[in-house]
Amino acid sequence: MDLIAGRLEAVHGDDVAVQMGFLDSANGKGYAFTGDPLRDPKYFGEGVGIAVRKGDKALATRFNDALAAIRADGEYNKIQDHYFSFDIHGE
């Protein structure tokens, strides 16, 4: 609200939340990401993950294998590009 009202010139926030919660809305027209993303694990952690039952190595392996497969065949990028204007995977 402060950004829209002109009381702020910039904000910092989670990429997905900013994209889907603001930039993709009517209020977000005329605004955009700028600069390099801030990714220092010291301040922002190692990223996000998919939770599975503790000790369920088989399920974790299935998720990892499925993600590797769709990244390898280009499907991941097709899905990402449909929903996001930035790289959601990172390095």
PDB file of N, CA and C in Angstrom:
ATOM      1  N   MET A   1       0.822  -1.190   0.000  1.00  0.00           N
ATOM      2  CA  MET A   1       0.000   0.000   0.000  1.00  0.00           C
ATOM      3  C   MET A   1       0.869   1.258   0.000  1.00  0.00           C
ATOM      4  N   ASP A   2       1.962   1.229   0.756  1.00  0.00           N
ATOM      5  CA  ASP A   2       2.854   2.394   0.791  1.00  0.00           C
ATOM      6  C   ASP A   2       3.544   2.603  -0.556  1.00  0.00           C
ATOM      7  N   LEU A   3       3.884   1.529  -1.233  1.00  0.00           N
ATOM      8  CA  LEU A   3       4.499   1.634  -2.550  1.00  0.00           C
ATOM      9  C   LEU A   3       3.522   2.283  -3.532  1.00  0.00           C
ATOM     10  N   ILE A   4       2.300   1.797  -3.544  1.00  0.00           N
ATOM     11  CA  ILE A   4       1.274   2.337  -4.438  1.00  0.00           C
ATOM     12  C   ILE A   4       0.975   3.804  -4.115  1.00  0.00           C
ATOM     13  N   ALA A   5       0.980   4.145  -2.828  1.00  0.00           N
ATOM     14  CA  ALA A   5       0.679   5.508  -2.398  1.00  0.00           C
ATOM     15  C   ALA A   5       1.854   6.467  -2.608  1.00  0.00           C
ATOM     16  N   GLY A   6       3.020   5.930  -3.002  1.00  0.00           N
ATOM     17  CA  GLY A   6       4.170   6.785  -3.253  1.00  0.00           C
ATOM     18  C   GLY A   6       5.000   7.106  -2.030  1.00  0.00           C
ATOM     19  N   ARG A   7       4.747   6.422  -0.925  1.00  0.00           N
ATOM     20  CA  ARG A   7       5.525   6.661   0.294  1.00  0.00           C
ATOM     21  C   ARG A   7       6.811   5.840   0.319  1.00  0.00           C
ATOM     22  N   LEU A   8       6.930   4.872  -0.587  1.00  0.00           N
ATOM     23  CA  LEU A   8       8.139   4.065  -0.742  1.00  0.00           C
ATOM     24  C   LEU A   8       8.529   4.061  -2.213  1.00  0.00           C
ATOM     25  N   GLU A   9       9.813   3.896  -2.465  1.00  0.00           N
ATOM     26  CA  GLU A   9      10.284   3.801  -3.843  1.00  0.00           C
ATOM     27  C   GLU A   9      10.703   2.389  -4.203  1.00  0.00           C
ATOM     28  N   ALA A  10      10.885   1.543  -3.208  1.00  0.00           N
ATOM     29  CA  ALA A  10      11.318   0.168  -3.460  1.00  0.00           C
ATOM     30  C   ALA A  10      10.944  -0.704  -2.264  1.00  0.00           C
ATOM     31  N   VAL A  11      10.832  -1.988  -2.515  1.00  0.00           N
ATOM     32  CA  VAL A  11      10.611  -2.962  -1.445  1.00  0.00           C
ATOM     33  C   VAL A  11      11.473  -4.174  -1.722  1.00  0.00           C
ATOM     34  N   HIS A  12      11.720  -4.945  -0.693  1.00  0.00           N
ATOM     35  CA  HIS A  12      12.424  -6.219  -0.832  1.00  0.00           C
ATOM     36  C   HIS A  12      11.497  -7.297  -0.308  1.00  0.00           C
ATOM     37  N   GLY A  13      11.347  -8.358  -1.049  1.00  0.00           N
ATOM     38  CA  GLY A  13      10.483  -9.435  -0.594  1.00  0.00           C
ATOM     39  C   GLY A  13      10.759 -10.718  -1.341  1.00  0.00           C
ATOM     40  N   ASP A  14      10.058 -11.751  -0.958  1.00  0.00           N
ATOM     41  CA  ASP A  14      10.164 -13.056  -1.601  1.00  0.00           C
ATOM     42  C   ASP A  14       9.743 -12.941  -3.060  1.00  0.00           C
ATOM     43  N   ASP A  15      10.554 -13.486  -3.972  1.00  0.00           N
ATOM     44  CA  ASP A  15      10.293 -13.367  -5.412  1.00  0.00           C
ATOM     45  C   ASP A  15       8.892 -13.829  -5.794  1.00  0.00           C
ATOM     46  N   VAL A  16       8.514 -15.011  -5.333  1.00  0.00           N
ATOM     47  CA  VAL A  16       7.218 -15.568  -5.719  1.00  0.00           C
ATOM     48  C   VAL A  16       6.085 -14.725  -5.153  1.00  0.00           C
ATOM     49  N   ALA A  17       6.178 -14.331  -3.889  1.00  0.00           N
ATOM     50  CA  ALA A  17       5.130 -13.528  -3.273  1.00  0.00           C
ATOM     51  C   ALA A  17       4.992 -12.172  -3.958  1.00  0.00           C
ATOM     52  N   VAL A  18       6.114 -11.540  -4.276  1.00  0.00           N
ATOM     53  CA  VAL A  18       6.069 -10.244  -4.947  1.00  0.00           C
ATOM     54  C   VAL A  18       5.486 -10.393  -6.348  1.00  0.00           C
ATOM     55  N   GLN A  19       5.933 -11.407  -7.072  1.00  0.00           N
ATOM     56  CA  GLN A  19       5.438 -11.616  -8.438  1.00  0.00           C
ATOM     57  C   GLN A  19       3.934 -11.888  -8.446  1.00  0.00           C
ATOM     58  N   MET A  20       3.524 -12.914  -7.712  1.00  0.00           N
ATOM     59  CA  MET A  20       2.131 -13.346  -7.781  1.00  0.00           C
ATOM     60  C   MET A  20       1.194 -12.462  -6.952  1.00  0.00           C
ATOM     61  N   GLY A  21       1.698 -11.901  -5.870  1.00  0.00           N
ATOM     62  CA  GLY A  21       0.842 -11.114  -4.998  1.00  0.00           C
ATOM     63  C   GLY A  21       0.764  -9.643  -5.354  1.00  0.00           C
ATOM     64  N   PHE A  22       1.733  -9.160  -6.147  1.00  0.00           N
ATOM     65  CA  PHE A  22       1.719  -7.732  -6.468  1.00  0.00           C
ATOM     66  C   PHE A  22       1.940  -7.464  -7.951  1.00  0.00           C
ATOM     67  N   LEU A  23       3.074  -7.888  -8.500  1.00  0.00           N
ATOM     68  CA  LEU A  23       3.390  -7.545  -9.886  1.00  0.00           C
ATOM     69  C   LEU A  23       2.344  -8.055 -10.881  1.00  0.00           C
ATOM     70  N   ASP A  24       1.767  -9.217 -10.612  1.00  0.00           N
ATOM     71  CA  ASP A  24       0.758  -9.779 -11.515  1.00  0.00           C
ATOM     72  C   ASP A  24      -0.638  -9.199 -11.286  1.00  0.00           C
ATOM     73  N   SER A  25      -0.769  -8.314 -10.313  1.00  0.00           N
ATOM     74  CA  SER A  25      -2.075  -7.715 -10.021  1.00  0.00           C
ATOM     75  C   SER A  25      -2.215  -6.373 -10.739  1.00  0.00           C
ATOM     76  N   ALA A  26      -3.413  -5.834 -10.736  1.00  0.00           N
ATOM     77  CA  ALA A  26      -3.648  -4.517 -11.337  1.00  0.00           C
ATOM     78  C   ALA A  26      -2.787  -3.447 -10.661  1.00  0.00           C
ATOM     79  N   ASN A  27      -2.603  -3.549  -9.353  1.00  0.00           N
ATOM     80  CA  ASN A  27      -1.782  -2.573  -8.632  1.00  0.00           C
ATOM     81  C   ASN A  27      -0.311  -2.643  -9.010  1.00  0.00           C
ATOM     82  N   GLY A  28       0.126  -3.774  -9.529  1.00  0.00           N
ATOM     83  CA  GLY A  28       1.531  -3.964  -9.860  1.00  0.00           C
ATOM     84  C   GLY A  28       1.929  -3.461 -11.230  1.00  0.00           C
ATOM     85  N   LYS A  29       0.960  -3.010 -12.020  1.00  0.00           N
ATOM     86  CA  LYS A  29       1.278  -2.492 -13.352  1.00  0.00           C
ATOM     87  C   LYS A  29       2.202  -1.283 -13.218  1.00  0.00           C
ATOM     88  N   GLY A  30       3.256  -1.268 -13.996  1.00  0.00           N
ATOM     89  CA  GLY A  30       4.217  -0.176 -13.937  1.00  0.00           C
ATOM     90  C   GLY A  30       5.367  -0.424 -12.977  1.00  0.00           C
ATOM     91  N   TYR A  31       5.317  -1.542 -12.267  1.00  0.00           N
ATOM     92  CA  TYR A  31       6.399  -1.908 -11.345  1.00  0.00           C
ATOM     93  C   TYR A  31       7.105  -3.149 -11.893  1.00  0.00           C
ATOM     94  N   ALA A  32       8.371  -3.345 -11.509  1.00  0.00           N
ATOM     95  CA  ALA A  32       9.128  -4.501 -11.992  1.00  0.00           C
ATOM     96  C   ALA A  32      10.264  -4.812 -11.027  1.00  0.00           C
ATOM     97  N   PHE A  33      10.780  -6.025 -11.135  1.00  0.00           N
ATOM     98  CA  PHE A  33      11.999  -6.378 -10.417  1.00  0.00           C
ATOM     99  C   PHE A  33      13.152  -5.579 -11.021  1.00  0.00           C
ATOM    100  N   THR A  34      14.124  -5.233 -10.192  1.00  0.00           N
ATOM    101  CA  THR A  34      15.316  -4.566 -10.688  1.00  0.00           C
ATOM    102  C   THR A  34      16.517  -5.021  -9.869  1.00  0.00           C
ATOM    103  N   GLY A  35      17.673  -4.989 -10.473  1.00  0.00           N
ATOM    104  CA  GLY A  35      18.889  -5.410  -9.782  1.00  0.00           C
ATOM    105  C   GLY A  35      19.001  -6.915  -9.687  1.00  0.00           C
ATOM    106  N   ASP A  36      20.101  -7.356  -9.126  1.00  0.00           N
ATOM    107  CA  ASP A  36      20.336  -8.787  -8.947  1.00  0.00           C
ATOM    108  C   ASP A  36      19.587  -9.288  -7.728  1.00  0.00           C
ATOM    109  N   PRO A  37      19.090 -10.528  -7.776  1.00  0.00           N
ATOM    110  CA  PRO A  37      18.419 -11.077  -6.594  1.00  0.00           C
ATOM    111  C   PRO A  37      19.398 -11.233  -5.432  1.00  0.00           C
ATOM    112  N   LEU A  38      18.907 -11.053  -4.239  1.00  0.00           N
ATOM    113  CA  LEU A  38      19.723 -11.245  -3.035  1.00  0.00           C
ATOM    114  C   LEU A  38      19.600 -12.692  -2.609  1.00  0.00           C
ATOM    115  N   ARG A  39      20.700 -13.423  -2.622  1.00  0.00           N
ATOM    116  CA  ARG A  39      20.661 -14.856  -2.365  1.00  0.00           C
ATOM    117  C   ARG A  39      21.675 -15.332  -1.325  1.00  0.00           C
ATOM    118  N   ASP A  40      22.287 -14.457  -0.594  1.00  0.00           N
ATOM    119  CA  ASP A  40      23.319 -14.862   0.361  1.00  0.00           C
ATOM    120  C   ASP A  40      22.718 -15.791   1.416  1.00  0.00           C
ATOM    121  N   PRO A  41      23.139 -17.067   1.440  1.00  0.00           N
ATOM    122  CA  PRO A  41      22.580 -18.026   2.399  1.00  0.00           C
ATOM    123  C   PRO A  41      22.768 -17.605   3.859  1.00  0.00           C
ATOM    124  N   LYS A  42      23.770 -16.779   4.127  1.00  0.00           N
ATOM    125  CA  LYS A  42      23.996 -16.299   5.489  1.00  0.00           C
ATOM    126  C   LYS A  42      22.762 -15.562   6.008  1.00  0.00           C
ATOM    127  N   TYR A  43      22.082 -14.858   5.113  1.00  0.00           N
ATOM    128  CA  TYR A  43      20.926 -14.058   5.505  1.00  0.00           C
ATOM    129  C   TYR A  43      19.592 -14.673   5.095  1.00  0.00           C
ATOM    130  N   PHE A  44      19.588 -15.425   3.995  1.00  0.00           N
ATOM    131  CA  PHE A  44      18.333 -15.894   3.425  1.00  0.00           C
ATOM    132  C   PHE A  44      18.155 -17.406   3.448  1.00  0.00           C
ATOM    133  N   GLY A  45      19.116 -18.129   4.000  1.00  0.00           N
ATOM    134  CA  GLY A  45      19.012 -19.584   4.052  1.00  0.00           C
ATOM    135  C   GLY A  45      19.382 -20.226   2.727  1.00  0.00           C
ATOM    136  N   GLU A  46      19.159 -21.512   2.651  1.00  0.00           N
ATOM    137  CA  GLU A  46      19.563 -22.288   1.488  1.00  0.00           C
ATOM    138  C   GLU A  46      18.469 -22.411   0.440  1.00  0.00           C
ATOM    139  N   GLY A  47      17.322 -21.830   0.655  1.00  0.00           N
ATOM    140  CA  GLY A  47      16.243 -21.925  -0.320  1.00  0.00           C
ATOM    141  C   GLY A  47      15.052 -22.656   0.261  1.00  0.00           C
ATOM    142  N   VAL A  48      14.234 -23.204  -0.617  1.00  0.00           N
ATOM    143  CA  VAL A  48      13.034 -23.917  -0.206  1.00  0.00           C
ATOM    144  C   VAL A  48      13.161 -25.383  -0.566  1.00  0.00           C
ATOM    145  N   GLY A  49      12.265 -26.173  -0.065  1.00  0.00           N
ATOM    146  CA  GLY A  49      12.307 -27.600  -0.358  1.00  0.00           C
ATOM    147  C   GLY A  49      10.925 -28.208  -0.341  1.00  0.00           C
ATOM    148  N   ILE A  50      10.889 -29.470  -0.628  1.00  0.00           N
ATOM    149  CA  ILE A  50       9.647 -30.242  -0.582  1.00  0.00           C
ATOM    150  C   ILE A  50       9.742 -31.152   0.629  1.00  0.00           C
ATOM    151  N   ALA A  51       8.744 -31.090   1.499  1.00  0.00           N
ATOM    152  CA  ALA A  51       8.757 -31.902   2.715  1.00  0.00           C
ATOM    153  C   ALA A  51       8.171 -33.283   2.450  1.00  0.00           C
ATOM    154  N   VAL A  52       8.847 -34.288   2.955  1.00  0.00           N
ATOM    155  CA  VAL A  52       8.340 -35.669   2.934  1.00  0.00           C
ATOM    156  C   VAL A  52       8.454 -36.232   4.342  1.00  0.00           C
ATOM    157  N   ARG A  53       7.775 -37.330   4.574  1.00  0.00           N
ATOM    158  CA  ARG A  53       7.846 -37.951   5.901  1.00  0.00           C
ATOM    159  C   ARG A  53       9.297 -38.208   6.298  1.00  0.00           C
ATOM    160  N   LYS A  54       9.601 -37.909   7.534  1.00  0.00           N
ATOM    161  CA  LYS A  54      10.946 -38.123   8.046  1.00  0.00           C
ATOM    162  C   LYS A  54      11.341 -39.587   7.834  1.00  0.00           C
ATOM    163  N   GLY A  55      12.483 -39.776   7.244  1.00  0.00           N
ATOM    164  CA  GLY A  55      12.985 -41.122   7.018  1.00  0.00           C
ATOM    165  C   GLY A  55      12.476 -41.777   5.742  1.00  0.00           C
ATOM    166  N   ASP A  56      11.590 -41.123   4.986  1.00  0.00           N
ATOM    167  CA  ASP A  56      11.056 -41.715   3.756  1.00  0.00           C
ATOM    168  C   ASP A  56      11.991 -41.392   2.595  1.00  0.00           C
ATOM    169  N   LYS A  57      13.122 -42.060   2.598  1.00  0.00           N
ATOM    170  CA  LYS A  57      14.152 -41.831   1.585  1.00  0.00           C
ATOM    171  C   LYS A  57      13.639 -42.176   0.186  1.00  0.00           C
ATOM    172  N   ALA A  58      12.792 -43.188   0.087  1.00  0.00           N
ATOM    173  CA  ALA A  58      12.278 -43.594  -1.225  1.00  0.00           C
ATOM    174  C   ALA A  58      11.450 -42.480  -1.858  1.00  0.00           C
ATOM    175  N   LEU A  59      10.597 -41.844  -1.078  1.00  0.00           N
ATOM    176  CA  LEU A  59       9.778 -40.761  -1.609  1.00  0.00           C
ATOM    177  C   LEU A  59      10.640 -39.554  -1.966  1.00  0.00           C
ATOM    178  N   ALA A  60      11.600 -39.218  -1.121  1.00  0.00           N
ATOM    179  CA  ALA A  60      12.506 -38.105  -1.412  1.00  0.00           C
ATOM    180  C   ALA A  60      13.265 -38.375  -2.714  1.00  0.00           C
ATOM    181  N   THR A  61      13.696 -39.600  -2.902  1.00  0.00           N
ATOM    182  CA  THR A  61      14.396 -39.978  -4.138  1.00  0.00           C
ATOM    183  C   THR A  61      13.484 -39.845  -5.343  1.00  0.00           C
ATOM    184  N   ARG A  62      12.229 -40.252  -5.212  1.00  0.00           N
ATOM    185  CA  ARG A  62      11.277 -40.117  -6.318  1.00  0.00           C
ATOM    186  C   ARG A  62      11.074 -38.651  -6.696  1.00  0.00           C
ATOM    187  N   PHE A  63      10.935 -37.776  -5.691  1.00  0.00           N
ATOM    188  CA  PHE A  63      10.806 -36.341  -5.979  1.00  0.00           C
ATOM    189  C   PHE A  63      12.049 -35.825  -6.693  1.00  0.00           C
ATOM    190  N   ASN A  64      13.222 -36.140  -6.154  1.00  0.00           N
ATOM    191  CA  ASN A  64      14.468 -35.667  -6.754  1.00  0.00           C
ATOM    192  C   ASN A  64      14.632 -36.183  -8.182  1.00  0.00           C
ATOM    193  N   ASP A  65      14.308 -37.439  -8.404  1.00  0.00           N
ATOM    194  CA  ASP A  65      14.412 -38.016  -9.749  1.00  0.00           C
ATOM    195  C   ASP A  65      13.428 -37.361 -10.716  1.00  0.00           C
ATOM    196  N   ALA A  66      12.200 -37.113 -10.248  1.00  0.00           N
ATOM    197  CA  ALA A  66      11.188 -36.479 -11.093  1.00  0.00           C
ATOM    198  C   ALA A  66      11.608 -35.052 -11.456  1.00  0.00           C
ATOM    199  N   LEU A  67      12.106 -34.305 -10.485  1.00  0.00           N
ATOM    200  CA  LEU A  67      12.574 -32.944 -10.775  1.00  0.00           C
ATOM    201  C   LEU A  67      13.749 -32.959 -11.755  1.00  0.00           C
ATOM    202  N   ALA A  68      14.675 -33.872 -11.560  1.00  0.00           N
ATOM    203  CA  ALA A  68      15.813 -33.975 -12.479  1.00  0.00           C
ATOM    204  C   ALA A  68      15.335 -34.308 -13.896  1.00  0.00           C
ATOM    205  N   ALA A  69      14.349 -35.173 -14.011  1.00  0.00           N
ATOM    206  CA  ALA A  69      13.840 -35.574 -15.328  1.00  0.00           C
ATOM    207  C   ALA A  69      13.173 -34.408 -16.053  1.00  0.00           C
ATOM    208  N   ILE A  70      12.332 -33.645 -15.352  1.00  0.00           N
ATOM    209  CA  ILE A  70      11.648 -32.548 -16.043  1.00  0.00           C
ATOM    210  C   ILE A  70      12.591 -31.369 -16.297  1.00  0.00           C
ATOM    211  N   ARG A  71      13.650 -31.260 -15.513  1.00  0.00           N
ATOM    212  CA  ARG A  71      14.661 -30.239 -15.821  1.00  0.00           C
ATOM    213  C   ARG A  71      15.458 -30.655 -17.043  1.00  0.00           C
ATOM    214  N   ALA A  72      15.753 -31.924 -17.155  1.00  0.00           N
ATOM    215  CA  ALA A  72      16.552 -32.426 -18.282  1.00  0.00           C
ATOM    216  C   ALA A  72      15.804 -32.336 -19.612  1.00  0.00           C
ATOM    217  N   ASP A  73      14.493 -32.562 -19.602  1.00  0.00           N
ATOM    218  CA  ASP A  73      13.751 -32.565 -20.875  1.00  0.00           C
ATOM    219  C   ASP A  73      13.109 -31.226 -21.217  1.00  0.00           C
ATOM    220  N   GLY A  74      13.324 -30.198 -20.382  1.00  0.00           N
ATOM    221  CA  GLY A  74      12.818 -28.868 -20.683  1.00  0.00           C
ATOM    222  C   GLY A  74      11.424 -28.573 -20.161  1.00  0.00           C
ATOM    223  N   GLU A  75      10.726 -29.570 -19.626  1.00  0.00           N
ATOM    224  CA  GLU A  75       9.371 -29.360 -19.123  1.00  0.00           C
ATOM    225  C   GLU A  75       9.348 -28.384 -17.945  1.00  0.00           C
ATOM    226  N   TYR A  76      10.342 -28.469 -17.073  1.00  0.00           N
ATOM    227  CA  TYR A  76      10.436 -27.581 -15.909  1.00  0.00           C
ATOM    228  C   TYR A  76      10.443 -26.122 -16.358  1.00  0.00           C
ATOM    229  N   ASN A  77      11.293 -25.796 -17.343  1.00  0.00           N
ATOM    230  CA  ASN A  77      11.376 -24.419 -17.828  1.00  0.00           C
ATOM    231  C   ASN A  77      10.076 -23.971 -18.479  1.00  0.00           C
ATOM    232  N   LYS A  78       9.398 -24.879 -19.168  1.00  0.00           N
ATOM    233  CA  LYS A  78       8.129 -24.533 -19.792  1.00  0.00           C
ATOM    234  C   LYS A  78       7.095 -24.160 -18.718  1.00  0.00           C
ATOM    235  N   ILE A  79       7.029 -24.935 -17.648  1.00  0.00           N
ATOM    236  CA  ILE A  79       6.112 -24.649 -16.546  1.00  0.00           C
ATOM    237  C   ILE A  79       6.513 -23.338 -15.865  1.00  0.00           C
ATOM    238  N   GLN A  80       7.808 -23.203 -15.563  1.00  0.00           N
ATOM    239  CA  GLN A  80       8.303 -21.995 -14.907  1.00  0.00           C
ATOM    240  C   GLN A  80       7.971 -20.752 -15.724  1.00  0.00           C
ATOM    241  N   ASP A  81       8.229 -20.781 -17.025  1.00  0.00           N
ATOM    242  CA  ASP A  81       8.009 -19.617 -17.870  1.00  0.00           C
ATOM    243  C   ASP A  81       6.532 -19.255 -17.988  1.00  0.00           C
ATOM    244  N   HIS A  82       5.672 -20.238 -17.814  1.00  0.00           N
ATOM    245  CA  HIS A  82       4.237 -19.976 -17.861  1.00  0.00           C
ATOM    246  C   HIS A  82       3.776 -19.159 -16.647  1.00  0.00           C
ATOM    247  N   TYR A  83       4.384 -19.416 -15.490  1.00  0.00           N
ATOM    248  CA  TYR A  83       3.922 -18.800 -14.244  1.00  0.00           C
ATOM    249  C   TYR A  83       4.805 -17.686 -13.694  1.00  0.00           C
ATOM    250  N   PHE A  84       6.083 -17.661 -14.045  1.00  0.00           N
ATOM    251  CA  PHE A  84       7.025 -16.733 -13.425  1.00  0.00           C
ATOM    252  C   PHE A  84       7.850 -15.997 -14.469  1.00  0.00           C
ATOM    253  N   SER A  85       8.314 -14.812 -14.114  1.00  0.00           N
ATOM    254  CA  SER A  85       9.173 -14.042 -15.002  1.00  0.00           C
ATOM    255  C   SER A  85      10.639 -14.084 -14.563  1.00  0.00           C
ATOM    256  N   PHE A  86      10.969 -15.043 -13.698  1.00  0.00           N
ATOM    257  CA  PHE A  86      12.317 -15.186 -13.177  1.00  0.00           C
ATOM    258  C   PHE A  86      12.591 -16.658 -12.926  1.00  0.00           C
ATOM    259  N   ASP A  87      13.861 -16.973 -12.686  1.00  0.00           N
ATOM    260  CA  ASP A  87      14.286 -18.353 -12.440  1.00  0.00           C
ATOM    261  C   ASP A  87      13.927 -18.755 -11.008  1.00  0.00           C
ATOM    262  N   ILE A  88      12.958 -19.657 -10.859  1.00  0.00           N
ATOM    263  CA  ILE A  88      12.553 -20.075  -9.514  1.00  0.00           C
ATOM    264  C   ILE A  88      13.444 -21.168  -8.952  1.00  0.00           C
ATOM    265  N   HIS A  89      14.249 -21.785  -9.785  1.00  0.00           N
ATOM    266  CA  HIS A  89      15.114 -22.861  -9.312  1.00  0.00           C
ATOM    267  C   HIS A  89      16.402 -22.332  -8.701  1.00  0.00           C
ATOM    268  N   GLY A  90      16.939 -21.285  -9.255  1.00  0.00           N
ATOM    269  CA  GLY A  90      18.228 -20.793  -8.772  1.00  0.00           C
ATOM    270  C   GLY A  90      19.354 -21.578  -9.396  1.00  0.00           C
ATOM    271  N   GLU A  91      20.441 -21.672  -8.686  1.00  0.00           N
ATOM    272  CA  GLU A  91      21.625 -22.336  -9.241  1.00  0.00           C
ATOM    273  C   GLU A  91      21.466 -23.826  -9.305  1.00  0.00           C
TER     274      GLU A  91
END
